[in-house]
């Protein structure tokens, strides 16, 4: 009796070791890589079946995109805007926006 234990498995190959800025997190942790598919026998890759396209992959956040697309994105997400300070109209103390009454003077906001 003969059993064939094998299949096609992906293998990540690093094309360039130079770290680049990641468009998602903004750190210099992205490298140019390619995902190739190999025919494997007993989980040992034997020979390549299909070559993948180059990708810019970040080791830190896991971001992956073609290098041309990565250049067009902003270097990192924009920081959220700080909400305007919310003040009590009678005592002028800074309050949280969820307050219905001022804890300092007791008036309705």
N, C-alpha and C. Protein backbone atom coordinates (compact mmCIF):
# COMPACT_ATOMS: atom_id res chain seq x y z
N UNK A 1 0.84 -1.17 0.00
CA UNK A 1 0.00 0.00 0.00
C UNK A 1 0.89 1.24 0.00
N UNK A 2 0.50 2.28 -0.73
CA UNK A 2 1.30 3.50 -0.88
C UNK A 2 0.46 4.71 -0.51
N UNK A 3 0.98 5.53 0.38
CA UNK A 3 0.32 6.77 0.78
C UNK A 3 1.20 7.95 0.34
N UNK A 4 0.57 8.91 -0.29
CA UNK A 4 1.27 10.12 -0.69
C UNK A 4 0.85 11.23 0.26
N UNK A 5 1.76 11.65 1.11
CA UNK A 5 1.47 12.73 2.03
C UNK A 5 2.24 13.95 1.54
N UNK A 6 1.52 14.83 0.93
CA UNK A 6 2.15 16.02 0.38
C UNK A 6 1.10 17.02 -0.06
N UNK A 7 1.55 18.04 -0.71
CA UNK A 7 0.65 19.06 -1.19
C UNK A 7 1.44 20.30 -1.57
N UNK A 8 0.71 21.39 -1.72
CA UNK A 8 1.32 22.66 -2.06
C UNK A 8 1.25 23.56 -0.85
N UNK A 9 2.39 24.12 -0.47
CA UNK A 9 2.42 25.00 0.70
C UNK A 9 3.11 26.30 0.35
N UNK A 10 2.68 27.41 0.99
CA UNK A 10 3.32 28.70 0.74
C UNK A 10 4.61 28.83 1.55
N UNK A 11 5.54 29.59 0.99
CA UNK A 11 6.80 29.86 1.67
C UNK A 11 7.15 31.32 1.38
N UNK A 12 7.42 32.09 2.43
CA UNK A 12 7.74 33.51 2.28
C UNK A 12 9.24 33.66 2.07
N UNK A 13 9.60 34.35 1.00
CA UNK A 13 11.00 34.58 0.68
C UNK A 13 11.28 36.07 0.75
N UNK A 14 12.30 36.47 1.49
CA UNK A 14 12.67 37.88 1.63
C UNK A 14 13.53 38.27 0.44
N UNK A 15 13.08 39.29 -0.30
CA UNK A 15 13.81 39.76 -1.48
C UNK A 15 14.83 40.83 -1.14
N UNK A 16 14.51 41.68 -0.16
CA UNK A 16 15.40 42.77 0.21
C UNK A 16 15.37 42.92 1.73
N UNK A 17 16.53 42.85 2.36
CA UNK A 17 16.62 42.95 3.82
C UNK A 17 16.58 44.38 4.33
N UNK A 18 16.63 45.36 3.44
CA UNK A 18 16.63 46.76 3.85
C UNK A 18 15.28 47.12 4.46
N UNK A 19 15.22 47.56 5.71
CA UNK A 19 13.93 47.94 6.30
C UNK A 19 13.40 49.22 5.66
N UNK A 20 12.10 49.24 5.43
CA UNK A 20 11.42 50.40 4.86
C UNK A 20 10.33 50.84 5.80
N UNK A 21 9.85 52.06 5.61
CA UNK A 21 8.75 52.57 6.44
C UNK A 21 7.46 51.85 6.08
N UNK A 22 6.76 51.38 7.08
CA UNK A 22 5.46 50.73 6.88
C UNK A 22 4.40 51.81 6.70
N UNK A 23 3.56 51.71 5.66
CA UNK A 23 2.51 52.70 5.46
C UNK A 23 1.43 52.65 6.54
N UNK A 24 1.28 51.52 7.21
CA UNK A 24 0.21 51.39 8.20
C UNK A 24 0.64 51.89 9.58
N UNK A 25 1.79 51.43 10.09
CA UNK A 25 2.19 51.79 11.45
C UNK A 25 3.27 52.87 11.51
N UNK A 26 3.93 53.15 10.39
CA UNK A 26 4.92 54.22 10.35
C UNK A 26 6.30 53.83 10.87
N UNK A 27 6.53 52.58 11.22
CA UNK A 27 7.84 52.13 11.72
C UNK A 27 8.66 51.53 10.58
N UNK A 28 9.95 51.52 10.71
CA UNK A 28 10.83 50.94 9.69
C UNK A 28 10.95 49.44 9.92
N UNK A 29 9.84 48.74 9.76
CA UNK A 29 9.81 47.29 9.98
C UNK A 29 9.34 46.54 8.74
N UNK A 30 9.08 47.24 7.63
CA UNK A 30 8.57 46.60 6.42
C UNK A 30 9.73 46.18 5.53
N UNK A 31 9.59 45.01 4.92
CA UNK A 31 10.61 44.49 4.00
C UNK A 31 9.93 43.99 2.74
N UNK A 32 10.68 43.97 1.65
CA UNK A 32 10.16 43.48 0.38
C UNK A 32 10.24 41.96 0.39
N UNK A 33 9.08 41.31 0.26
CA UNK A 33 9.03 39.84 0.32
C UNK A 33 8.17 39.31 -0.81
N UNK A 34 8.22 37.99 -1.00
CA UNK A 34 7.42 37.33 -2.02
C UNK A 34 6.94 36.00 -1.45
N UNK A 35 5.71 35.64 -1.75
CA UNK A 35 5.15 34.36 -1.29
C UNK A 35 5.17 33.39 -2.47
N UNK A 36 6.03 32.38 -2.38
CA UNK A 36 6.12 31.34 -3.40
C UNK A 36 5.40 30.09 -2.91
N UNK A 37 4.87 29.32 -3.86
CA UNK A 37 4.19 28.07 -3.52
C UNK A 37 5.06 26.91 -3.97
N UNK A 38 5.27 25.96 -3.06
CA UNK A 38 6.13 24.81 -3.32
C UNK A 38 5.35 23.52 -3.21
N UNK A 39 5.70 22.56 -4.05
CA UNK A 39 5.19 21.20 -3.92
C UNK A 39 5.99 20.55 -2.81
N UNK A 40 5.31 20.01 -1.83
CA UNK A 40 6.02 19.43 -0.69
C UNK A 40 5.64 17.96 -0.51
N UNK A 41 6.58 17.22 0.00
CA UNK A 41 6.38 15.81 0.30
C UNK A 41 6.77 15.61 1.75
N UNK A 42 5.85 15.12 2.55
CA UNK A 42 6.05 14.96 3.99
C UNK A 42 6.47 16.30 4.62
N UNK A 43 5.82 17.36 4.19
CA UNK A 43 6.02 18.72 4.72
C UNK A 43 7.40 19.27 4.43
N UNK A 44 8.12 18.70 3.48
CA UNK A 44 9.42 19.22 3.05
C UNK A 44 9.24 19.82 1.65
N UNK A 45 9.48 21.14 1.49
CA UNK A 45 9.32 21.74 0.16
C UNK A 45 10.34 21.17 -0.82
N UNK A 46 9.85 20.69 -1.97
CA UNK A 46 10.74 20.07 -2.95
C UNK A 46 11.13 21.04 -4.07
N UNK A 47 10.12 21.57 -4.79
CA UNK A 47 10.44 22.51 -5.86
C UNK A 47 9.29 23.51 -6.01
N UNK A 48 9.62 24.72 -6.52
CA UNK A 48 8.60 25.76 -6.64
C UNK A 48 7.59 25.45 -7.73
N UNK A 49 6.33 25.73 -7.45
CA UNK A 49 5.26 25.54 -8.40
C UNK A 49 4.83 26.89 -8.99
N UNK A 50 4.75 27.91 -8.12
CA UNK A 50 4.28 29.22 -8.55
C UNK A 50 5.05 30.30 -7.78
N UNK A 51 5.53 31.31 -8.53
CA UNK A 51 6.19 32.45 -7.90
C UNK A 51 5.14 33.53 -7.66
N UNK A 52 5.21 34.14 -6.50
CA UNK A 52 4.29 35.21 -6.17
C UNK A 52 4.83 36.57 -6.60
N UNK A 53 3.99 37.58 -6.47
CA UNK A 53 4.39 38.95 -6.77
C UNK A 53 5.06 39.55 -5.54
N UNK A 54 5.97 40.51 -5.74
CA UNK A 54 6.61 41.16 -4.59
C UNK A 54 5.60 41.94 -3.76
N UNK A 55 5.76 41.86 -2.44
CA UNK A 55 4.89 42.56 -1.50
C UNK A 55 5.75 43.31 -0.49
N UNK A 56 5.23 44.40 0.00
CA UNK A 56 5.85 45.11 1.11
C UNK A 56 5.15 44.61 2.36
N UNK A 57 5.85 43.82 3.19
CA UNK A 57 5.24 43.21 4.37
C UNK A 57 5.90 43.75 5.63
N UNK A 58 5.07 44.16 6.59
CA UNK A 58 5.57 44.69 7.85
C UNK A 58 5.67 43.56 8.87
N UNK A 59 6.83 43.45 9.51
CA UNK A 59 7.04 42.42 10.52
C UNK A 59 6.30 42.75 11.81
N UNK A 60 6.04 44.01 12.05
CA UNK A 60 5.43 44.45 13.31
C UNK A 60 3.90 44.34 13.29
N UNK A 61 3.25 44.97 12.29
CA UNK A 61 1.78 45.03 12.29
C UNK A 61 1.14 44.05 11.32
N UNK A 62 1.92 43.43 10.42
CA UNK A 62 1.37 42.45 9.49
C UNK A 62 0.81 43.05 8.21
N UNK A 63 1.02 44.33 7.97
CA UNK A 63 0.53 44.99 6.76
C UNK A 63 1.22 44.39 5.54
N UNK A 64 0.45 44.13 4.47
CA UNK A 64 1.02 43.60 3.23
C UNK A 64 0.30 44.23 2.05
N UNK A 65 1.07 44.77 1.11
CA UNK A 65 0.52 45.38 -0.10
C UNK A 65 1.61 45.44 -1.15
N UNK A 66 1.20 45.54 -2.43
CA UNK A 66 2.22 45.73 -3.47
C UNK A 66 3.00 47.01 -3.22
N UNK A 67 4.29 47.05 -3.57
CA UNK A 67 5.10 48.23 -3.29
C UNK A 67 4.56 49.51 -3.92
N UNK A 68 3.96 49.43 -5.11
CA UNK A 68 3.42 50.62 -5.76
C UNK A 68 2.23 51.18 -4.98
N UNK A 69 1.39 50.30 -4.47
CA UNK A 69 0.21 50.73 -3.71
C UNK A 69 0.62 51.29 -2.35
N UNK A 70 1.67 50.75 -1.77
CA UNK A 70 2.10 51.20 -0.45
C UNK A 70 2.64 52.62 -0.49
N UNK A 71 3.20 53.05 -1.60
CA UNK A 71 3.75 54.40 -1.70
C UNK A 71 2.63 55.43 -1.70
N UNK A 72 1.46 55.09 -2.23
CA UNK A 72 0.37 56.04 -2.36
C UNK A 72 -0.37 56.27 -1.05
N UNK A 73 -0.26 55.38 -0.09
CA UNK A 73 -0.96 55.52 1.19
C UNK A 73 -0.21 56.48 2.10
N UNK A 74 -0.91 57.11 3.05
CA UNK A 74 -0.19 57.96 4.00
C UNK A 74 0.74 57.11 4.86
N UNK A 75 1.81 57.70 5.41
CA UNK A 75 2.79 56.91 6.15
C UNK A 75 2.23 56.27 7.41
N UNK A 76 1.23 56.86 8.04
CA UNK A 76 0.62 56.28 9.23
C UNK A 76 -0.75 56.90 9.40
N UNK A 77 -1.65 56.25 10.13
CA UNK A 77 -2.99 56.81 10.30
C UNK A 77 -2.94 58.15 11.03
N UNK A 78 -3.81 59.02 10.64
CA UNK A 78 -3.87 60.33 11.27
C UNK A 78 -4.37 60.19 12.71
N UNK A 79 -3.82 60.97 13.60
CA UNK A 79 -4.25 60.96 14.99
C UNK A 79 -5.65 61.56 15.08
N UNK A 80 -6.51 60.98 15.91
CA UNK A 80 -7.86 61.54 16.04
C UNK A 80 -7.80 62.94 16.64
N UNK A 81 -8.72 63.76 16.19
CA UNK A 81 -8.77 65.12 16.69
C UNK A 81 -9.23 65.12 18.14
N UNK A 82 -8.65 66.01 18.93
CA UNK A 82 -9.06 66.13 20.33
C UNK A 82 -10.40 66.84 20.38
N UNK A 83 -11.33 66.33 21.18
CA UNK A 83 -12.61 67.02 21.27
C UNK A 83 -12.45 68.37 21.96
N UNK A 84 -13.33 69.28 21.61
CA UNK A 84 -13.28 70.61 22.22
C UNK A 84 -13.61 70.47 23.71
N UNK A 85 -13.01 71.35 24.50
CA UNK A 85 -13.29 71.28 25.94
C UNK A 85 -14.73 71.71 26.20
N UNK A 86 -15.36 70.99 27.06
CA UNK A 86 -16.76 71.23 27.41
C UNK A 86 -16.77 71.90 28.78
N UNK A 87 -17.38 73.08 28.87
CA UNK A 87 -17.36 73.86 30.12
C UNK A 87 -18.78 74.13 30.60
N UNK A 88 -18.87 74.28 31.91
CA UNK A 88 -20.15 74.63 32.54
C UNK A 88 -20.44 76.11 32.21
N UNK A 89 -21.67 76.45 31.79
CA UNK A 89 -21.98 77.83 31.44
C UNK A 89 -22.02 78.77 32.65
N UNK A 90 -22.26 78.23 33.85
CA UNK A 90 -22.36 79.14 35.01
C UNK A 90 -21.04 79.28 35.77
N UNK A 91 -20.30 78.17 36.03
CA UNK A 91 -19.06 78.29 36.81
C UNK A 91 -17.80 78.17 35.96
N UNK A 92 -17.93 77.86 34.69
CA UNK A 92 -16.83 77.80 33.72
C UNK A 92 -15.78 76.73 34.05
N UNK A 93 -16.17 75.65 34.73
CA UNK A 93 -15.26 74.54 35.02
C UNK A 93 -15.30 73.56 33.84
N UNK A 94 -14.18 72.87 33.60
CA UNK A 94 -14.12 71.89 32.51
C UNK A 94 -14.87 70.64 32.93
N UNK A 95 -15.76 70.17 32.05
CA UNK A 95 -16.58 68.98 32.31
C UNK A 95 -16.41 67.97 31.19
N UNK A 96 -16.84 66.77 31.46
CA UNK A 96 -16.89 65.76 30.41
C UNK A 96 -18.17 65.97 29.62
N UNK A 97 -18.17 65.68 28.32
CA UNK A 97 -19.36 65.93 27.50
C UNK A 97 -20.57 65.08 27.88
N UNK A 98 -20.37 64.01 28.64
CA UNK A 98 -21.50 63.14 28.99
C UNK A 98 -22.27 63.64 30.21
N UNK A 99 -21.73 64.63 30.92
CA UNK A 99 -22.39 65.14 32.13
C UNK A 99 -23.66 65.90 31.77
N UNK A 100 -24.73 65.65 32.52
CA UNK A 100 -25.98 66.41 32.35
C UNK A 100 -26.04 67.55 33.36
N UNK A 101 -25.38 67.36 34.51
CA UNK A 101 -25.33 68.38 35.56
C UNK A 101 -23.87 68.64 35.92
N UNK A 102 -23.56 69.85 36.31
CA UNK A 102 -22.21 70.23 36.71
C UNK A 102 -21.96 69.70 38.13
N UNK A 103 -20.87 68.92 38.35
CA UNK A 103 -20.58 68.41 39.68
C UNK A 103 -20.06 69.48 40.63
N UNK A 104 -19.67 70.63 40.10
CA UNK A 104 -19.12 71.70 40.94
C UNK A 104 -20.19 72.65 41.46
N UNK A 105 -21.12 73.06 40.59
CA UNK A 105 -22.15 74.02 41.02
C UNK A 105 -23.54 73.40 41.05
N UNK A 106 -23.75 72.24 40.46
CA UNK A 106 -25.03 71.55 40.50
C UNK A 106 -26.04 72.00 39.46
N UNK A 107 -25.69 72.92 38.60
CA UNK A 107 -26.62 73.40 37.59
C UNK A 107 -26.69 72.44 36.41
N UNK A 108 -27.84 72.48 35.72
CA UNK A 108 -28.02 71.65 34.52
C UNK A 108 -27.19 72.24 33.38
N UNK A 109 -26.51 71.39 32.66
CA UNK A 109 -25.65 71.83 31.56
C UNK A 109 -26.44 71.87 30.29
